C-alpha atoms as a PDB file:
ATOM      1  CA  UNK A   1       0.000   0.000   0.000  1.00  0.00           C
ATOM      2  CA  UNK A   2       1.457   3.359  -1.056  1.00  0.00           C
ATOM      3  CA  UNK A   3       1.230   6.478   1.013  1.00  0.00           C
ATOM      4  CA  UNK A   4      -0.034   9.398  -1.077  1.00  0.00           C
ATOM      5  CA  UNK A   5       2.217  12.438  -1.124  1.00  0.00           C
ATOM      6  CA  UNK A   6       0.688  15.536   0.361  1.00  0.00           C
ATOM      7  CA  UNK A   7      -2.190  13.653   1.921  1.00  0.00           C
ATOM      8  CA  UNK A   8      -2.949  14.428   5.513  1.00  0.00           C
ATOM      9  CA  UNK A   9      -5.064  12.332   7.792  1.00  0.00           C
ATOM     10  CA  UNK A  10      -8.662  13.552   7.976  1.00  0.00           C
ATOM     11  CA  UNK A  11      -8.152  14.388  11.660  1.00  0.00           C
ATOM     12  CA  UNK A  12      -5.460  16.911  10.776  1.00  0.00           C
ATOM     13  CA  UNK A  13      -7.348  18.381   7.825  1.00  0.00           C
ATOM     14  CA  UNK A  14     -10.300  19.282  10.047  1.00  0.00           C
ATOM     15  CA  UNK A  15      -8.516  20.302  13.250  1.00  0.00           C
ATOM     16  CA  UNK A  16      -9.363  24.003  13.788  1.00  0.00           C
ATOM     17  CA  UNK A  17      -6.136  24.815  15.648  1.00  0.00           C
ATOM     18  CA  UNK A  18      -4.054  23.359  12.819  1.00  0.00           C
ATOM     19  CA  UNK A  19      -6.074  25.147  10.131  1.00  0.00           C
ATOM     20  CA  UNK A  20      -5.796  28.471  11.969  1.00  0.00           C
ATOM     21  CA  UNK A  21      -2.053  27.956  12.362  1.00  0.00           C
ATOM     22  CA  UNK A  22      -1.619  27.140   8.652  1.00  0.00           C
ATOM     23  CA  UNK A  23      -3.629  30.225   7.705  1.00  0.00           C
ATOM     24  CA  UNK A  24      -1.642  32.399  10.128  1.00  0.00           C
ATOM     25  CA  UNK A  25       1.659  31.194   8.678  1.00  0.00           C
ATOM     26  CA  UNK A  26       0.470  31.936   5.157  1.00  0.00           C
ATOM     27  CA  UNK A  27      -0.913  35.330   6.191  1.00  0.00           C
ATOM     28  CA  UNK A  28       2.308  36.291   7.983  1.00  0.00           C
ATOM     29  CA  UNK A  29       4.442  35.390   4.961  1.00  0.00           C
ATOM     30  CA  UNK A  30       2.158  37.366   2.665  1.00  0.00           C
ATOM     31  CA  UNK A  31       2.087  40.419   4.952  1.00  0.00           C
ATOM     32  CA  UNK A  32       5.858  40.331   5.496  1.00  0.00           C
ATOM     33  CA  UNK A  33       6.488  40.119   1.752  1.00  0.00           C
ATOM     34  CA  UNK A  34       4.000  42.922   1.066  1.00  0.00           C
ATOM     35  CA  UNK A  35       5.387  45.272   3.724  1.00  0.00           C
ATOM     36  CA  UNK A  36       8.947  44.614   2.574  1.00  0.00           C
ATOM     37  CA  UNK A  37       8.150  46.364  -0.723  1.00  0.00           C
ATOM     38  CA  UNK A  38       8.069  49.601   1.323  1.00  0.00           C
ATOM     39  CA  UNK A  39      10.981  48.665   3.612  1.00  0.00           C
ATOM     40  CA  UNK A  40       8.502  48.066   6.417  1.00  0.00           C
ATOM     41  CA  UNK A  41       7.792  45.341   8.928  1.00  0.00           C
ATOM     42  CA  UNK A  42       4.719  44.377  10.969  1.00  0.00           C
ATOM     43  CA  UNK A  43       6.120  46.166  14.035  1.00  0.00           C
ATOM     44  CA  UNK A  44       6.504  49.359  12.010  1.00  0.00           C
ATOM     45  CA  UNK A  45       2.913  49.142  10.868  1.00  0.00           C
ATOM     46  CA  UNK A  46       1.584  48.437  14.377  1.00  0.00           C
ATOM     47  CA  UNK A  47       3.509  51.348  15.901  1.00  0.00           C
ATOM     48  CA  UNK A  48       2.522  53.819  13.195  1.00  0.00           C
ATOM     49  CA  UNK A  49      -1.129  52.704  13.370  1.00  0.00           C
ATOM     50  CA  UNK A  50      -1.153  53.119  17.145  1.00  0.00           C
ATOM     51  CA  UNK A  51       0.401  56.590  16.981  1.00  0.00           C
ATOM     52  CA  UNK A  52      -1.980  57.679  14.242  1.00  0.00           C
ATOM     53  CA  UNK A  53      -5.071  56.437  16.046  1.00  0.00           C
ATOM     54  CA  UNK A  54      -4.251  57.280  19.673  1.00  0.00           C
ATOM     55  CA  UNK A  55      -1.752  60.117  19.343  1.00  0.00           C
ATOM     56  CA  UNK A  56       1.690  60.610  20.884  1.00  0.00           C
ATOM     57  CA  UNK A  57       2.762  58.034  23.457  1.00  0.00           C
ATOM     58  CA  UNK A  58       5.730  56.886  25.480  1.00  0.00           C
ATOM     59  CA  UNK A  59       7.724  53.937  24.201  1.00  0.00           C
ATOM     60  CA  UNK A  60       6.460  51.863  27.135  1.00  0.00           C
ATOM     61  CA  UNK A  61       2.828  52.736  26.349  1.00  0.00           C
ATOM     62  CA  UNK A  62       3.375  51.828  22.697  1.00  0.00           C
ATOM     63  CA  UNK A  63       4.733  48.449  23.746  1.00  0.00           C
ATOM     64  CA  UNK A  64       1.745  47.769  25.984  1.00  0.00           C
ATOM     65  CA  UNK A  65      -0.731  49.013  23.388  1.00  0.00           C
ATOM     66  CA  UNK A  66       0.705  46.917  20.534  1.00  0.00           C
ATOM     67  CA  UNK A  67       1.899  43.876  22.479  1.00  0.00           C
ATOM     68  CA  UNK A  68       5.451  44.408  21.215  1.00  0.00           C
ATOM     69  CA  UNK A  69       8.349  43.688  23.577  1.00  0.00           C
ATOM     70  CA  UNK A  70      10.068  46.810  24.910  1.00  0.00           C
ATOM     71  CA  UNK A  71      13.435  46.128  23.227  1.00  0.00           C
ATOM     72  CA  UNK A  72      11.692  45.474  19.907  1.00  0.00           C
ATOM     73  CA  UNK A  73       9.730  48.731  20.266  1.00  0.00           C
ATOM     74  CA  UNK A  74      12.965  50.673  20.704  1.00  0.00           C
ATOM     75  CA  UNK A  75      14.615  48.990  17.702  1.00  0.00           C
ATOM     76  CA  UNK A  76      11.572  49.524  15.462  1.00  0.00           C
ATOM     77  CA  UNK A  77      11.211  53.149  16.566  1.00  0.00           C
ATOM     78  CA  UNK A  78      14.907  53.724  15.836  1.00  0.00           C
ATOM     79  CA  UNK A  79      14.315  52.468  12.293  1.00  0.00           C
ATOM     80  CA  UNK A  80      11.234  54.648  11.879  1.00  0.00           C
ATOM     81  CA  UNK A  81      13.015  57.707  13.322  1.00  0.00           C
ATOM     82  CA  UNK A  82      15.953  57.241  10.911  1.00  0.00           C
ATOM     83  CA  UNK A  83      13.427  57.583   8.086  1.00  0.00           C
ATOM     84  CA  UNK A  84      11.728  60.600   9.762  1.00  0.00           C
ATOM     85  CA  UNK A  85       8.455  58.654  10.071  1.00  0.00           C
ATOM     86  CA  UNK A  86       8.289  59.281  13.826  1.00  0.00           C
ATOM     87  CA  UNK A  87       9.942  61.750  16.139  1.00  0.00           C
ATOM     88  CA  UNK A  88      10.849  61.523  19.787  1.00  0.00           C
ATOM     89  CA  UNK A  89      10.786  64.368  22.242  1.00  0.00           C
ATOM     90  CA  UNK A  90      11.408  64.483  25.985  1.00  0.00           C
ATOM     91  CA  UNK A  91       8.304  64.073  28.115  1.00  0.00           C
ATOM     92  CA  UNK A  92       7.789  67.426  29.894  1.00  0.00           C
ATOM     93  CA  UNK A  93       6.539  65.617  33.018  1.00  0.00           C
ATOM     94  CA  UNK A  94       9.411  63.097  33.102  1.00  0.00           C
ATOM     95  CA  UNK A  95      12.623  64.010  31.266  1.00  0.00           C
ATOM     96  CA  UNK A  96      13.838  60.394  31.443  1.00  0.00           C
ATOM     97  CA  UNK A  97      11.015  59.328  29.167  1.00  0.00           C
ATOM     98  CA  UNK A  98      10.479  60.004  25.461  1.00  0.00           C
ATOM     99  CA  UNK A  99       7.174  60.786  23.828  1.00  0.00           C
ATOM    100  CA  UNK A 100       6.882  59.453  20.295  1.00  0.00           C
ATOM    101  CA  UNK A 101       4.786  61.143  17.601  1.00  0.00           C
ATOM    102  CA  UNK A 102       4.009  60.206  14.031  1.00  0.00           C
ATOM    103  CA  UNK A 103       5.207  62.724  11.440  1.00  0.00           C
ATOM    104  CA  UNK A 104       3.456  63.773   8.244  1.00  0.00           C
ATOM    105  CA  UNK A 105       5.770  61.488   6.209  1.00  0.00           C
ATOM    106  CA  UNK A 106       4.873  58.754   8.722  1.00  0.00           C
ATOM    107  CA  UNK A 107       1.153  59.289   8.061  1.00  0.00           C
ATOM    108  CA  UNK A 108       1.756  59.152   4.314  1.00  0.00           C
ATOM    109  CA  UNK A 109       3.816  55.973   4.727  1.00  0.00           C
ATOM    110  CA  UNK A 110       1.040  54.448   6.856  1.00  0.00           C
ATOM    111  CA  UNK A 111      -1.512  55.290   4.135  1.00  0.00           C
ATOM    112  CA  UNK A 112       0.660  53.495   1.542  1.00  0.00           C
ATOM    113  CA  UNK A 113       0.989  50.496   3.849  1.00  0.00           C
ATOM    114  CA  UNK A 114      -2.785  50.450   4.374  1.00  0.00           C
ATOM    115  CA  UNK A 115      -3.272  50.229   0.608  1.00  0.00           C
ATOM    116  CA  UNK A 116      -0.729  47.456   0.264  1.00  0.00           C
ATOM    117  CA  UNK A 117      -2.224  45.504   3.146  1.00  0.00           C
ATOM    118  CA  UNK A 118      -5.711  45.827   1.678  1.00  0.00           C
ATOM    119  CA  UNK A 119      -4.358  44.126  -1.433  1.00  0.00           C
ATOM    120  CA  UNK A 120      -2.689  41.447   0.684  1.00  0.00           C
ATOM    121  CA  UNK A 121      -5.950  40.777   2.537  1.00  0.00           C
ATOM    122  CA  UNK A 122      -7.744  40.465  -0.801  1.00  0.00           C
ATOM    123  CA  UNK A 123      -5.125  37.973  -1.974  1.00  0.00           C
ATOM    124  CA  UNK A 124      -5.319  35.978   1.253  1.00  0.00           C
ATOM    125  CA  UNK A 125      -9.110  35.810   1.256  1.00  0.00           C
ATOM    126  CA  UNK A 126      -9.601  35.499  -2.517  1.00  0.00           C
ATOM    127  CA  UNK A 127     -11.678  32.287  -2.300  1.00  0.00           C
ATOM    128  CA  UNK A 128     -14.254  33.995  -0.051  1.00  0.00           C
ATOM    129  CA  UNK A 129     -17.122  36.296  -0.995  1.00  0.00           C
ATOM    130  CA  UNK A 130     -17.387  39.685   0.763  1.00  0.00           C
ATOM    131  CA  UNK A 131     -20.089  38.251   3.065  1.00  0.00           C
ATOM    132  CA  UNK A 132     -17.924  35.232   3.887  1.00  0.00           C
ATOM    133  CA  UNK A 133     -14.983  37.526   4.649  1.00  0.00           C
ATOM    134  CA  UNK A 134     -17.087  39.542   7.096  1.00  0.00           C
ATOM    135  CA  UNK A 135     -18.331  36.347   8.700  1.00  0.00           C
ATOM    136  CA  UNK A 136     -14.793  34.962   9.016  1.00  0.00           C
ATOM    137  CA  UNK A 137     -13.603  38.179  10.652  1.00  0.00           C
ATOM    138  CA  UNK A 138     -16.534  38.148  13.088  1.00  0.00           C
ATOM    139  CA  UNK A 139     -15.986  34.514  14.038  1.00  0.00           C
ATOM    140  CA  UNK A 140     -12.212  34.773  14.441  1.00  0.00           C
ATOM    141  CA  UNK A 141     -12.630  38.003  16.422  1.00  0.00           C
ATOM    142  CA  UNK A 142     -15.052  36.273  18.767  1.00  0.00           C
ATOM    143  CA  UNK A 143     -12.609  33.406  19.368  1.00  0.00           C
ATOM    144  CA  UNK A 144      -9.651  35.769  19.872  1.00  0.00           C
ATOM    145  CA  UNK A 145     -11.583  37.965  22.313  1.00  0.00           C
ATOM    146  CA  UNK A 146     -12.704  34.900  24.266  1.00  0.00           C
ATOM    147  CA  UNK A 147      -9.182  33.551  24.786  1.00  0.00           C
ATOM    148  CA  UNK A 148      -7.268  34.910  27.807  1.00  0.00           C
ATOM    149  CA  UNK A 149      -3.973  36.573  26.983  1.00  0.00           C
ATOM    150  CA  UNK A 150      -4.957  37.659  23.486  1.00  0.00           C
ATOM    151  CA  UNK A 151      -4.882  41.219  22.248  1.00  0.00           C
ATOM    152  CA  UNK A 152      -8.564  41.386  21.323  1.00  0.00           C
END
């Protein structure tokens, strides 16, 4: 009896945790490849999105808000600052702390990334209709928000 190449046992093909993991891996590769066309990474996008939506923040607050480790926040902000996409200034209430703000070039960069990521989402979810996409997002959001320790 031959074992078919690429065939998975039925149990694995229908295991939600495995399917979600496979989709996440594919999505991460697609997003990473897409962002790389603008010399960006997921951390860059998360930090810029947070600054644009919530306004200036300390590096520590950005880490908490985005779920990014403190050392990774600093490294990503250094990269963004080198490109003048964010700026740091001393916190008037605590000179040991920096307040980070998004710049106008940072907002423009974020807008370009939004457009690219919309295309990536369309590519990822191509087999689904618009209604199915909305339903998938609602269902996955519900599961994520139900799980302790998630960033829902």
